[in-house]
Amino acid sequence: MELKEEQSQNGSASAGSVPPLRRIVVESETVPIRVGDYAGPPDPNYGREPWQMAAGNDAEPVWIEERMRTEDLSIAYGDKRAVKDVSIEVNSGEVLALIGPSGCGKTTLLRSLNRLVELTPAAKRTGRIILDNQSVDEFDVTQLRSRVGMLFQQPNPFPMSIFDNVAYGLRERGSKKPRRKQLEPIVVDALERAGLWDEVSSNLNHPALALSGGQQQRLCIARSLAVSPEVLLLDEPCSALDPISTSIIEDTIVELKSEVAIVIVTHNLQQAARIGDRVAFMYLGDMVEQGAAGQVFGAPREERTQEYVGGGFG
């Protein structure tokens, strides 16, 4: 490629005249690139484009990679099947929102992903749950729950200091307890990622139970992040919070999705639409429909989905 200048007709560019034209001459034919094209290869493992564009013209592509999946997963309590043959992917780089009326099986599905559902004696599971191409049954359950963390409806900080709450999982992982100086960078990083550091940086030794409800929930997020999970499960994390705290938690979730796969159960359809990249609608244990949030809410394929998101029942 070379750069050429074309002079004006008299052969020179006098002061105040129109600047010379500059024309780029290329040796090979140019190939136009459409907006939204991705130059990298598709992911051969999953047969899908491993990216999506975030909102906004200047947004960077967000890398999508499978972390977990279920294959024909069914869960029964005695004779009652709460989840029926559900197959779904959980991907880093996006938020998966599970919606549906009470009793539809979405919380049971969520709790099965890190084997919490097994704590119910009558529960029986069939089908497979895969984490990084390995069955969750092959993991030590403590190791699994550090890799697949969970937050509940009510914040559950431990009755100890803010610092000790975040450091708890790190201290329990090994037989030799790390010193506070070793833990400080990890604790600070987790609090920053959870959007809480600016509010508690001068009070790390204060009781965690003295924090507000929204702060306690973000503290629980920081506690989960400190042990570097691959998946974060959220069971109605904002149901007990005021609108301001809910907005902060939602912003935190959206910021975290680039580094950890997130699954959230919510009854709040507006929340699912705001933060969900993919939405899965469950009804009476069945996975009725799953897809991009805009499609599920804007153009649902199934009649039951259309009735639910339209307010026909709930």
C-alpha atoms as a PDB file:
ATOM      1  CA  MET A   1       0.000   0.000   0.000  1.00  0.00           C
ATOM      2  CA  GLU A   2       1.329   3.485  -0.838  1.00  0.00           C
ATOM      3  CA  LEU A   3       0.168   7.060  -0.355  1.00  0.00           C
ATOM      4  CA  LYS A   4       0.055   9.416  -3.352  1.00  0.00           C
ATOM      5  CA  GLU A   5      -0.634  13.142  -3.532  1.00  0.00           C
ATOM      6  CA  GLU A   6      -2.356  14.786  -6.482  1.00  0.00           C
ATOM      7  CA  GLN A   7      -1.374  18.440  -6.964  1.00  0.00           C
ATOM      8  CA  SER A   8      -3.654  21.130  -8.278  1.00  0.00           C
ATOM      9  CA  GLN A   9      -3.776  21.738 -12.028  1.00  0.00           C
ATOM     10  CA  ASN A  10      -0.923  24.285 -12.039  1.00  0.00           C
ATOM     11  CA  GLY A  11       1.354  21.685 -10.405  1.00  0.00           C
ATOM     12  CA  SER A  12       1.739  23.418  -7.025  1.00  0.00           C
ATOM     13  CA  ALA A  13      -0.283  24.040  -3.896  1.00  0.00           C
ATOM     14  CA  SER A  14      -0.254  27.778  -3.212  1.00  0.00           C
ATOM     15  CA  ALA A  15      -1.085  29.316   0.165  1.00  0.00           C
ATOM     16  CA  GLY A  16      -4.813  29.444   0.800  1.00  0.00           C
ATOM     17  CA  SER A  17      -5.597  27.020  -2.021  1.00  0.00           C
ATOM     18  CA  VAL A  18      -7.435  23.748  -1.576  1.00  0.00           C
ATOM     19  CA  PRO A  19      -5.141  21.146   0.075  1.00  0.00           C
ATOM     20  CA  PRO A  20      -3.852  18.398  -2.225  1.00  0.00           C
ATOM     21  CA  LEU A  21      -5.914  15.260  -2.511  1.00  0.00           C
ATOM     22  CA  ARG A  22      -4.535  12.141  -0.866  1.00  0.00           C
ATOM     23  CA  ARG A  23      -5.436   8.840  -2.420  1.00  0.00           C
ATOM     24  CA  ILE A  24      -4.587   5.452  -0.915  1.00  0.00           C
ATOM     25  CA  VAL A  25      -3.527   2.869  -3.464  1.00  0.00           C
ATOM     26  CA  VAL A  26      -3.722  -0.754  -2.320  1.00  0.00           C
ATOM     27  CA  GLU A  27      -2.136  -3.747  -3.998  1.00  0.00           C
ATOM     28  CA  SER A  28      -4.967  -6.174  -3.223  1.00  0.00           C
ATOM     29  CA  GLU A  29      -8.742  -5.996  -3.235  1.00  0.00           C
ATOM     30  CA  THR A  30     -10.304  -4.796   0.027  1.00  0.00           C
ATOM     31  CA  VAL A  31     -12.835  -6.963   1.865  1.00  0.00           C
ATOM     32  CA  PRO A  32     -15.659  -5.078   3.579  1.00  0.00           C
ATOM     33  CA  ILE A  33     -16.421  -6.006   7.203  1.00  0.00           C
ATOM     34  CA  ARG A  34     -20.023  -5.711   8.341  1.00  0.00           C
ATOM     35  CA  VAL A  35     -20.833  -4.258  11.739  1.00  0.00           C
ATOM     36  CA  GLY A  36     -21.172  -7.116  14.194  1.00  0.00           C
ATOM     37  CA  ASP A  37     -18.856  -9.502  12.315  1.00  0.00           C
ATOM     38  CA  TYR A  38     -16.357 -11.354  14.481  1.00  0.00           C
ATOM     39  CA  ALA A  39     -13.002 -12.237  12.965  1.00  0.00           C
ATOM     40  CA  GLY A  40     -12.206 -15.104  15.354  1.00  0.00           C
ATOM     41  CA  PRO A  41     -13.084 -18.747  14.754  1.00  0.00           C
ATOM     42  CA  PRO A  42     -16.371 -20.253  15.983  1.00  0.00           C
ATOM     43  CA  ASP A  43     -16.180 -22.498  19.044  1.00  0.00           C
ATOM     44  CA  PRO A  44     -15.977 -26.072  17.669  1.00  0.00           C
ATOM     45  CA  ASN A  45     -17.035 -27.614  20.964  1.00  0.00           C
ATOM     46  CA  TYR A  46     -20.476 -26.113  21.126  1.00  0.00           C
ATOM     47  CA  GLY A  47     -21.313 -25.292  17.531  1.00  0.00           C
ATOM     48  CA  ARG A  48     -22.180 -21.684  18.219  1.00  0.00           C
ATOM     49  CA  GLU A  49     -20.612 -18.273  17.810  1.00  0.00           C
ATOM     50  CA  PRO A  50     -18.808 -17.810  21.153  1.00  0.00           C
ATOM     51  CA  TRP A  51     -19.561 -14.124  21.528  1.00  0.00           C
ATOM     52  CA  GLN A  52     -22.303 -11.593  21.701  1.00  0.00           C
ATOM     53  CA  MET A  53     -22.329  -7.863  21.293  1.00  0.00           C
ATOM     54  CA  ALA A  54     -23.125  -5.828  24.376  1.00  0.00           C
ATOM     55  CA  ALA A  55     -25.462  -2.859  24.011  1.00  0.00           C
ATOM     56  CA  GLY A  56     -24.021   0.249  22.406  1.00  0.00           C
ATOM     57  CA  ASN A  57     -22.055   0.889  19.243  1.00  0.00           C
ATOM     58  CA  ASP A  58     -18.706   1.195  21.040  1.00  0.00           C
ATOM     59  CA  ALA A  59     -19.129  -1.872  23.279  1.00  0.00           C
ATOM     60  CA  GLU A  60     -16.513  -4.586  23.173  1.00  0.00           C
ATOM     61  CA  PRO A  61     -17.596  -8.140  22.250  1.00  0.00           C
ATOM     62  CA  VAL A  62     -18.283 -10.308  25.303  1.00  0.00           C
ATOM     63  CA  TRP A  63     -16.776 -13.785  25.151  1.00  0.00           C
ATOM     64  CA  ILE A  64     -19.289 -16.588  25.739  1.00  0.00           C
ATOM     65  CA  GLU A  65     -18.055 -19.971  26.959  1.00  0.00           C
ATOM     66  CA  GLU A  66     -19.956 -22.897  28.416  1.00  0.00           C
ATOM     67  CA  ARG A  67     -19.276 -23.529  32.103  1.00  0.00           C
ATOM     68  CA  MET A  68     -22.094 -25.924  33.009  1.00  0.00           C
ATOM     69  CA  ARG A  69     -24.919 -27.791  31.349  1.00  0.00           C
ATOM     70  CA  THR A  70     -27.696 -30.156  32.300  1.00  0.00           C
ATOM     71  CA  GLU A  71     -28.717 -33.115  30.171  1.00  0.00           C
ATOM     72  CA  ASP A  72     -32.244 -34.515  30.606  1.00  0.00           C
ATOM     73  CA  LEU A  73     -32.165 -33.510  34.272  1.00  0.00           C
ATOM     74  CA  SER A  74     -35.131 -34.642  36.376  1.00  0.00           C
ATOM     75  CA  ILE A  75     -35.605 -34.168  40.121  1.00  0.00           C
ATOM     76  CA  ALA A  76     -38.363 -35.761  42.173  1.00  0.00           C
ATOM     77  CA  TYR A  77     -39.460 -35.403  45.760  1.00  0.00           C
ATOM     78  CA  GLY A  78     -41.015 -38.769  46.476  1.00  0.00           C
ATOM     79  CA  ASP A  79     -43.543 -39.390  43.705  1.00  0.00           C
ATOM     80  CA  LYS A  80     -43.691 -35.750  42.584  1.00  0.00           C
ATOM     81  CA  ARG A  81     -41.386 -34.648  39.783  1.00  0.00           C
ATOM     82  CA  ALA A  82     -40.341 -31.037  40.360  1.00  0.00           C
ATOM     83  CA  VAL A  83     -38.019 -30.812  37.335  1.00  0.00           C
ATOM     84  CA  LYS A  84     -38.704 -32.793  34.164  1.00  0.00           C
ATOM     85  CA  ASP A  85     -36.001 -33.658  31.617  1.00  0.00           C
ATOM     86  CA  VAL A  86     -34.396 -30.218  31.515  1.00  0.00           C
ATOM     87  CA  SER A  87     -31.391 -29.577  29.273  1.00  0.00           C
ATOM     88  CA  ILE A  88     -29.815 -26.130  29.471  1.00  0.00           C
ATOM     89  CA  GLU A  89     -26.430 -24.396  29.210  1.00  0.00           C
ATOM     90  CA  VAL A  90     -24.851 -22.052  31.751  1.00  0.00           C
ATOM     91  CA  ASN A  91     -22.289 -19.775  30.115  1.00  0.00           C
ATOM     92  CA  SER A  92     -19.693 -17.327  31.324  1.00  0.00           C
ATOM     93  CA  GLY A  93     -20.141 -13.930  29.733  1.00  0.00           C
ATOM     94  CA  GLU A  94     -23.904 -13.861  30.252  1.00  0.00           C
ATOM     95  CA  VAL A  95     -26.646 -13.892  32.849  1.00  0.00           C
ATOM     96  CA  LEU A  96     -29.183 -16.719  32.617  1.00  0.00           C
ATOM     97  CA  ALA A  97     -32.488 -15.740  34.252  1.00  0.00           C
ATOM     98  CA  LEU A  98     -34.897 -18.504  35.329  1.00  0.00           C
ATOM     99  CA  ILE A  99     -38.506 -17.311  35.462  1.00  0.00           C
ATOM    100  CA  GLY A 100     -41.845 -18.930  36.141  1.00  0.00           C
ATOM    101  CA  PRO A 101     -44.637 -18.987  38.735  1.00  0.00           C
ATOM    102  CA  SER A 102     -44.112 -20.286  42.267  1.00  0.00           C
ATOM    103  CA  GLY A 103     -43.701 -24.042  42.394  1.00  0.00           C
ATOM    104  CA  CYS A 104     -42.584 -24.350  38.765  1.00  0.00           C
ATOM    105  CA  GLY A 105     -39.243 -25.976  39.661  1.00  0.00           C
ATOM    106  CA  LYS A 106     -36.815 -23.135  38.966  1.00  0.00           C
ATOM    107  CA  THR A 107     -35.362 -23.004  42.499  1.00  0.00           C
ATOM    108  CA  THR A 108     -35.038 -26.802  42.574  1.00  0.00           C
ATOM    109  CA  LEU A 109     -33.165 -26.618  39.265  1.00  0.00           C
ATOM    110  CA  LEU A 110     -30.893 -23.901  40.640  1.00  0.00           C
ATOM    111  CA  ARG A 111     -30.133 -25.813  43.849  1.00  0.00           C
ATOM    112  CA  SER A 112     -29.317 -28.964  41.912  1.00  0.00           C
ATOM    113  CA  LEU A 113     -26.425 -27.296  40.094  1.00  0.00           C
ATOM    114  CA  ASN A 114     -24.200 -27.426  43.188  1.00  0.00           C
ATOM    115  CA  ARG A 115     -25.953 -30.470  44.677  1.00  0.00           C
ATOM    116  CA  LEU A 116     -27.714 -28.566  47.455  1.00  0.00           C
ATOM    117  CA  VAL A 117     -30.931 -30.326  46.512  1.00  0.00           C
ATOM    118  CA  GLU A 118     -29.366 -33.535  47.836  1.00  0.00           C
ATOM    119  CA  LEU A 119     -29.719 -32.159  51.369  1.00  0.00           C
ATOM    120  CA  THR A 120     -33.444 -32.958  51.082  1.00  0.00           C
ATOM    121  CA  PRO A 121     -33.704 -36.679  52.026  1.00  0.00           C
ATOM    122  CA  ALA A 122     -36.632 -37.434  49.694  1.00  0.00           C
ATOM    123  CA  ALA A 123     -34.988 -35.868  46.625  1.00  0.00           C
ATOM    124  CA  LYS A 124     -33.953 -38.096  43.735  1.00  0.00           C
ATOM    125  CA  ARG A 125     -32.097 -36.963  40.634  1.00  0.00           C
ATOM    126  CA  THR A 126     -31.706 -38.493  37.177  1.00  0.00           C
ATOM    127  CA  GLY A 127     -29.901 -37.094  34.164  1.00  0.00           C
ATOM    128  CA  ARG A 128     -26.539 -35.370  34.148  1.00  0.00           C
ATOM    129  CA  ILE A 129     -25.068 -32.100  35.434  1.00  0.00           C
ATOM    130  CA  ILE A 130     -21.739 -31.225  33.823  1.00  0.00           C
ATOM    131  CA  LEU A 131     -19.171 -28.682  35.048  1.00  0.00           C
ATOM    132  CA  ASP A 132     -16.267 -28.121  32.662  1.00  0.00           C
ATOM    133  CA  ASN A 133     -17.012 -31.408  30.889  1.00  0.00           C
ATOM    134  CA  GLN A 134     -16.971 -33.376  34.137  1.00  0.00           C
ATOM    135  CA  SER A 135     -19.960 -34.743  36.044  1.00  0.00           C
ATOM    136  CA  VAL A 136     -20.622 -32.869  39.287  1.00  0.00           C
ATOM    137  CA  ASP A 137     -20.904 -36.262  40.989  1.00  0.00           C
ATOM    138  CA  GLU A 138     -17.164 -36.731  40.484  1.00  0.00           C
ATOM    139  CA  PHE A 139     -16.313 -33.639  42.559  1.00  0.00           C
ATOM    140  CA  ASP A 140     -15.906 -33.506  46.295  1.00  0.00           C
ATOM    141  CA  VAL A 141     -19.033 -31.626  47.343  1.00  0.00           C
ATOM    142  CA  THR A 142     -17.073 -28.936  49.225  1.00  0.00           C
ATOM    143  CA  GLN A 143     -14.882 -28.335  46.183  1.00  0.00           C
ATOM    144  CA  LEU A 144     -17.950 -28.208  43.943  1.00  0.00           C
ATOM    145  CA  ARG A 145     -19.649 -25.590  46.107  1.00  0.00           C
ATOM    146  CA  SER A 146     -16.570 -23.378  46.076  1.00  0.00           C
ATOM    147  CA  ARG A 147     -16.546 -23.533  42.272  1.00  0.00           C
ATOM    148  CA  VAL A 148     -20.331 -23.101  42.044  1.00  0.00           C
ATOM    149  CA  GLY A 149     -21.236 -20.531  44.708  1.00  0.00           C
ATOM    150  CA  MET A 150     -24.755 -19.639  45.805  1.00  0.00           C
ATOM    151  CA  LEU A 151     -26.599 -16.646  47.272  1.00  0.00           C
ATOM    152  CA  PHE A 152     -30.028 -16.909  48.844  1.00  0.00           C
ATOM    153  CA  GLN A 153     -33.071 -14.678  49.212  1.00  0.00           C
ATOM    154  CA  GLN A 154     -32.034 -13.478  52.649  1.00  0.00           C
ATOM    155  CA  PRO A 155     -28.427 -12.322  53.090  1.00  0.00           C
ATOM    156  CA  ASN A 156     -26.585 -14.710  55.391  1.00  0.00           C
ATOM    157  CA  PRO A 157     -23.354 -13.096  56.618  1.00  0.00           C
ATOM    158  CA  PHE A 158     -21.581 -14.909  59.434  1.00  0.00           C
ATOM    159  CA  PRO A 159     -21.506 -13.326  62.922  1.00  0.00           C
ATOM    160  CA  MET A 160     -17.951 -12.085  62.514  1.00  0.00           C
ATOM    161  CA  SER A 161     -16.159  -9.092  61.014  1.00  0.00           C
ATOM    162  CA  ILE A 162     -16.490  -7.921  57.423  1.00  0.00           C
ATOM    163  CA  PHE A 163     -12.923  -9.039  56.708  1.00  0.00           C
ATOM    164  CA  ASP A 164     -13.389 -12.466  58.270  1.00  0.00           C
ATOM    165  CA  ASN A 165     -16.596 -13.043  56.315  1.00  0.00           C
ATOM    166  CA  VAL A 166     -14.835 -12.525  52.983  1.00  0.00           C
ATOM    167  CA  ALA A 167     -11.770 -14.505  54.087  1.00  0.00           C
ATOM    168  CA  TYR A 168     -13.766 -17.406  55.525  1.00  0.00           C
ATOM    169  CA  GLY A 169     -13.678 -19.667  52.479  1.00  0.00           C
ATOM    170  CA  LEU A 170      -9.981 -18.994  51.897  1.00  0.00           C
ATOM    171  CA  ARG A 171      -9.124 -19.998  55.449  1.00  0.00           C
ATOM    172  CA  GLU A 172     -11.196 -23.158  55.305  1.00  0.00           C
ATOM    173  CA  ARG A 173      -9.687 -24.447  52.057  1.00  0.00           C
ATOM    174  CA  GLY A 174      -6.365 -25.624  53.465  1.00  0.00           C
ATOM    175  CA  SER A 175      -5.054 -27.241  56.620  1.00  0.00           C
ATOM    176  CA  LYS A 176      -2.631 -24.338  57.161  1.00  0.00           C
ATOM    177  CA  LYS A 177      -4.433 -21.097  57.935  1.00  0.00           C
ATOM    178  CA  PRO A 178      -3.080 -18.176  55.877  1.00  0.00           C
ATOM    179  CA  ARG A 179      -2.142 -14.974  57.677  1.00  0.00           C
ATOM    180  CA  ARG A 180      -4.185 -11.800  57.360  1.00  0.00           C
ATOM    181  CA  LYS A 181      -1.476 -10.098  55.282  1.00  0.00           C
ATOM    182  CA  GLN A 182      -1.672 -12.904  52.743  1.00  0.00           C
ATOM    183  CA  LEU A 183      -5.449 -12.623  52.585  1.00  0.00           C
ATOM    184  CA  GLU A 184      -5.739  -8.828  52.390  1.00  0.00           C
ATOM    185  CA  PRO A 185      -5.213  -8.435  48.601  1.00  0.00           C
ATOM    186  CA  ILE A 186      -7.794 -11.142  47.845  1.00  0.00           C
ATOM    187  CA  VAL A 187     -10.321  -9.695  50.310  1.00  0.00           C
ATOM    188  CA  VAL A 188      -9.896  -6.175  48.918  1.00  0.00           C
ATOM    189  CA  ASP A 189     -10.238  -7.435  45.334  1.00  0.00           C
ATOM    190  CA  ALA A 190     -13.417  -9.393  46.169  1.00  0.00           C
ATOM    191  CA  LEU A 191     -14.979  -6.381  47.911  1.00  0.00           C
ATOM    192  CA  GLU A 192     -14.123  -4.158  44.950  1.00  0.00           C
ATOM    193  CA  ARG A 193     -15.642  -6.593  42.463  1.00  0.00           C
ATOM    194  CA  ALA A 194     -18.784  -6.832  44.600  1.00  0.00           C
ATOM    195  CA  GLY A 195     -19.084  -3.032  44.592  1.00  0.00           C
ATOM    196  CA  LEU A 196     -18.686  -2.733  48.377  1.00  0.00           C
ATOM    197  CA  TRP A 197     -15.092  -1.639  48.967  1.00  0.00           C
ATOM    198  CA  ASP A 198     -15.705   2.121  48.961  1.00  0.00           C
ATOM    199  CA  GLU A 199     -18.379   1.731  51.639  1.00  0.00           C
ATOM    200  CA  VAL A 200     -16.480  -0.528  54.049  1.00  0.00           C
ATOM    201  CA  SER A 201     -12.768   0.100  53.412  1.00  0.00           C
ATOM    202  CA  SER A 202     -12.307   1.878  56.748  1.00  0.00           C
ATOM    203  CA  ASN A 203     -14.491  -0.584  58.706  1.00  0.00           C
ATOM    204  CA  LEU A 204     -13.202  -4.041  57.801  1.00  0.00           C
ATOM    205  CA  ASN A 205     -13.068  -5.074  61.478  1.00  0.00           C
ATOM    206  CA  HIS A 206     -16.664  -4.013  62.158  1.00  0.00           C
ATOM    207  CA  PRO A 207     -19.393  -6.676  62.536  1.00  0.00           C
ATOM    208  CA  ALA A 208     -20.885  -7.755  59.227  1.00  0.00           C
ATOM    209  CA  LEU A 209     -24.333  -7.965  60.812  1.00  0.00           C
ATOM    210  CA  ALA A 210     -24.243  -4.182  61.342  1.00  0.00           C
ATOM    211  CA  LEU A 211     -24.384  -3.602  57.574  1.00  0.00           C
ATOM    212  CA  SER A 212     -27.605  -2.782  55.743  1.00  0.00           C
ATOM    213  CA  GLY A 213     -29.474  -5.527  53.906  1.00  0.00           C
ATOM    214  CA  GLY A 214     -28.116  -4.509  50.513  1.00  0.00           C
ATOM    215  CA  GLN A 215     -24.580  -4.266  51.874  1.00  0.00           C
ATOM    216  CA  GLN A 216     -24.915  -7.696  53.487  1.00  0.00           C
ATOM    217  CA  GLN A 217     -25.979  -9.211  50.171  1.00  0.00           C
ATOM    218  CA  ARG A 218     -22.996  -7.666  48.396  1.00  0.00           C
ATOM    219  CA  LEU A 219     -20.781  -8.932  51.215  1.00  0.00           C
ATOM    220  CA  CYS A 220     -22.078 -12.437  50.513  1.00  0.00           C
ATOM    221  CA  ILE A 221     -21.249 -11.917  46.833  1.00  0.00           C
ATOM    222  CA  ALA A 222     -17.714 -10.873  47.834  1.00  0.00           C
ATOM    223  CA  ARG A 223     -17.408 -13.950  50.066  1.00  0.00           C
ATOM    224  CA  SER A 224     -18.293 -16.161  47.101  1.00  0.00           C
ATOM    225  CA  LEU A 225     -15.963 -14.303  44.718  1.00  0.00           C
ATOM    226  CA  ALA A 226     -12.983 -14.616  47.087  1.00  0.00           C
ATOM    227  CA  VAL A 227     -12.662 -18.352  46.330  1.00  0.00           C
ATOM    228  CA  SER A 228     -12.735 -17.750  42.546  1.00  0.00           C
ATOM    229  CA  PRO A 229     -15.956 -19.531  41.549  1.00  0.00           C
ATOM    230  CA  GLU A 230     -16.736 -20.370  37.952  1.00  0.00           C
ATOM    231  CA  VAL A 231     -20.511 -20.143  38.421  1.00  0.00           C
ATOM    232  CA  LEU A 232     -22.609 -17.979  40.739  1.00  0.00           C
ATOM    233  CA  LEU A 233     -26.172 -19.061  41.566  1.00  0.00           C
ATOM    234  CA  LEU A 234     -28.552 -16.367  42.815  1.00  0.00           C
ATOM    235  CA  ASP A 235     -31.899 -17.331  44.333  1.00  0.00           C
ATOM    236  CA  GLU A 236     -34.097 -14.197  44.418  1.00  0.00           C
ATOM    237  CA  PRO A 237     -31.167 -12.107  45.741  1.00  0.00           C
ATOM    238  CA  CYS A 238     -33.119  -8.838  45.687  1.00  0.00           C
ATOM    239  CA  SER A 239     -36.497  -9.989  47.004  1.00  0.00           C
ATOM    240  CA  ALA A 240     -35.855  -8.560  50.489  1.00  0.00           C
ATOM    241  CA  LEU A 241     -34.149  -5.350  49.336  1.00  0.00           C
ATOM    242  CA  ASP A 242     -35.312  -1.804  48.663  1.00  0.00           C
ATOM    243  CA  PRO A 243     -35.247  -0.414  45.093  1.00  0.00           C
ATOM    244  CA  ILE A 244     -31.928   1.436  45.553  1.00  0.00           C
ATOM    245  CA  SER A 245     -30.152  -1.658  46.916  1.00  0.00           C
ATOM    246  CA  THR A 246     -31.754  -3.752  44.168  1.00  0.00           C
ATOM    247  CA  SER A 247     -30.365  -1.421  41.501  1.00  0.00           C
ATOM    248  CA  ILE A 248     -26.860  -1.643  42.997  1.00  0.00           C
ATOM    249  CA  ILE A 249     -27.029  -5.455  43.131  1.00  0.00           C
ATOM    250  CA  GLU A 250     -28.238  -5.597  39.519  1.00  0.00           C
ATOM    251  CA  ASP A 251     -25.368  -3.356  38.379  1.00  0.00           C
ATOM    252  CA  THR A 252     -22.939  -5.616  40.257  1.00  0.00           C
ATOM    253  CA  ILE A 253     -24.366  -8.729  38.576  1.00  0.00           C
ATOM    254  CA  VAL A 254     -24.016  -7.199  35.100  1.00  0.00           C
ATOM    255  CA  GLU A 255     -20.408  -6.189  35.801  1.00  0.00           C
ATOM    256  CA  LEU A 256     -19.525  -9.661  37.089  1.00  0.00           C
ATOM    257  CA  LYS A 257     -20.852 -11.651  34.129  1.00  0.00           C
ATOM    258  CA  SER A 258     -17.645 -11.169  32.131  1.00  0.00           C
ATOM    259  CA  GLU A 259     -15.698 -13.167  34.736  1.00  0.00           C
ATOM    260  CA  VAL A 260     -18.189 -15.657  36.171  1.00  0.00           C
ATOM    261  CA  ALA A 261     -21.240 -17.467  34.785  1.00  0.00           C
ATOM    262  CA  ILE A 262     -24.393 -16.263  36.559  1.00  0.00           C
ATOM    263  CA  VAL A 263     -27.770 -17.947  36.982  1.00  0.00           C
ATOM    264  CA  ILE A 264     -30.508 -15.987  38.733  1.00  0.00           C
ATOM    265  CA  VAL A 265     -33.968 -17.128  39.801  1.00  0.00           C
ATOM    266  CA  THR A 266     -36.381 -14.213  39.893  1.00  0.00           C
ATOM    267  CA  HIS A 267     -40.124 -13.609  40.037  1.00  0.00           C
ATOM    268  CA  ASN A 268     -39.505 -10.054  38.861  1.00  0.00           C
ATOM    269  CA  LEU A 269     -39.954 -10.103  35.088  1.00  0.00           C
ATOM    270  CA  GLN A 270     -38.678  -6.535  34.766  1.00  0.00           C
ATOM    271  CA  GLN A 271     -35.485  -7.577  36.548  1.00  0.00           C
ATOM    272  CA  ALA A 272     -35.066 -10.590  34.253  1.00  0.00           C
ATOM    273  CA  ALA A 273     -35.478  -8.299  31.235  1.00  0.00           C
ATOM    274  CA  ARG A 274     -33.017  -5.734  32.631  1.00  0.00           C
ATOM    275  CA  ILE A 275     -30.115  -8.030  33.481  1.00  0.00           C
ATOM    276  CA  GLY A 276     -30.805 -11.331  31.696  1.00  0.00           C
ATOM    277  CA  ASP A 277     -28.959 -12.137  28.485  1.00  0.00           C
ATOM    278  CA  ARG A 278     -30.821 -15.439  28.180  1.00  0.00           C
ATOM    279  CA  VAL A 279     -34.134 -16.258  29.825  1.00  0.00           C
ATOM    280  CA  ALA A 280     -35.596 -19.693  30.556  1.00  0.00           C
ATOM    281  CA  PHE A 281     -39.292 -20.040  31.394  1.00  0.00           C
ATOM    282  CA  MET A 282     -40.381 -23.008  33.505  1.00  0.00           C
ATOM    283  CA  TYR A 283     -43.911 -24.214  34.212  1.00  0.00           C
ATOM    284  CA  LEU A 284     -44.921 -27.227  36.313  1.00  0.00           C
ATOM    285  CA  GLY A 285     -41.400 -28.652  36.098  1.00  0.00           C
ATOM    286  CA  ASP A 286     -41.104 -28.328  32.319  1.00  0.00           C
ATOM    287  CA  MET A 287     -38.653 -26.065  30.523  1.00  0.00           C
ATOM    288  CA  VAL A 288     -41.228 -24.434  28.274  1.00  0.00           C
ATOM    289  CA  GLU A 289     -38.968 -22.009  26.440  1.00  0.00           C
ATOM    290  CA  GLN A 290     -35.458 -20.602  26.565  1.00  0.00           C
ATOM    291  CA  GLY A 291     -33.741 -18.011  24.425  1.00  0.00           C
ATOM    292  CA  ALA A 292     -32.385 -14.482  24.249  1.00  0.00           C
ATOM    293  CA  ALA A 293     -34.155 -12.126  26.643  1.00  0.00           C
ATOM    294  CA  GLY A 294     -35.404  -9.923  23.817  1.00  0.00           C
ATOM    295  CA  GLN A 295     -36.931 -12.903  22.036  1.00  0.00           C
ATOM    296  CA  VAL A 296     -38.571 -14.473  25.110  1.00  0.00           C
ATOM    297  CA  PHE A 297     -40.123 -11.198  26.239  1.00  0.00           C
ATOM    298  CA  GLY A 298     -40.692  -9.624  22.828  1.00  0.00           C
ATOM    299  CA  ALA A 299     -41.639 -12.566  20.608  1.00  0.00           C
ATOM    300  CA  PRO A 300     -42.222 -15.723  22.679  1.00  0.00           C
ATOM    301  CA  ARG A 301     -42.691 -18.870  20.628  1.00  0.00           C
ATOM    302  CA  GLU A 302     -44.865 -20.772  23.114  1.00  0.00           C
ATOM    303  CA  GLU A 303     -48.410 -19.791  24.086  1.00  0.00           C
ATOM    304  CA  ARG A 304     -47.761 -20.441  27.791  1.00  0.00           C
ATOM    305  CA  THR A 305     -44.715 -18.157  27.692  1.00  0.00           C
ATOM    306  CA  GLN A 306     -46.737 -15.429  26.001  1.00  0.00           C
ATOM    307  CA  GLU A 307     -49.454 -15.692  28.657  1.00  0.00           C
ATOM    308  CA  TYR A 308     -46.953 -15.583  31.518  1.00  0.00           C
ATOM    309  CA  VAL A 309     -44.821 -12.665  30.349  1.00  0.00           C
ATOM    310  CA  GLY A 310     -48.005 -10.851  29.363  1.00  0.00           C
ATOM    311  CA  GLY A 311     -49.365 -11.102  32.910  1.00  0.00           C
ATOM    312  CA  GLY A 312     -51.982 -13.740  32.195  1.00  0.00           C
ATOM    313  CA  PHE A 313     -50.959 -15.739  35.277  1.00  0.00           C
ATOM    314  CA  GLY A 314     -48.152 -15.772  37.831  1.00  0.00           C
END
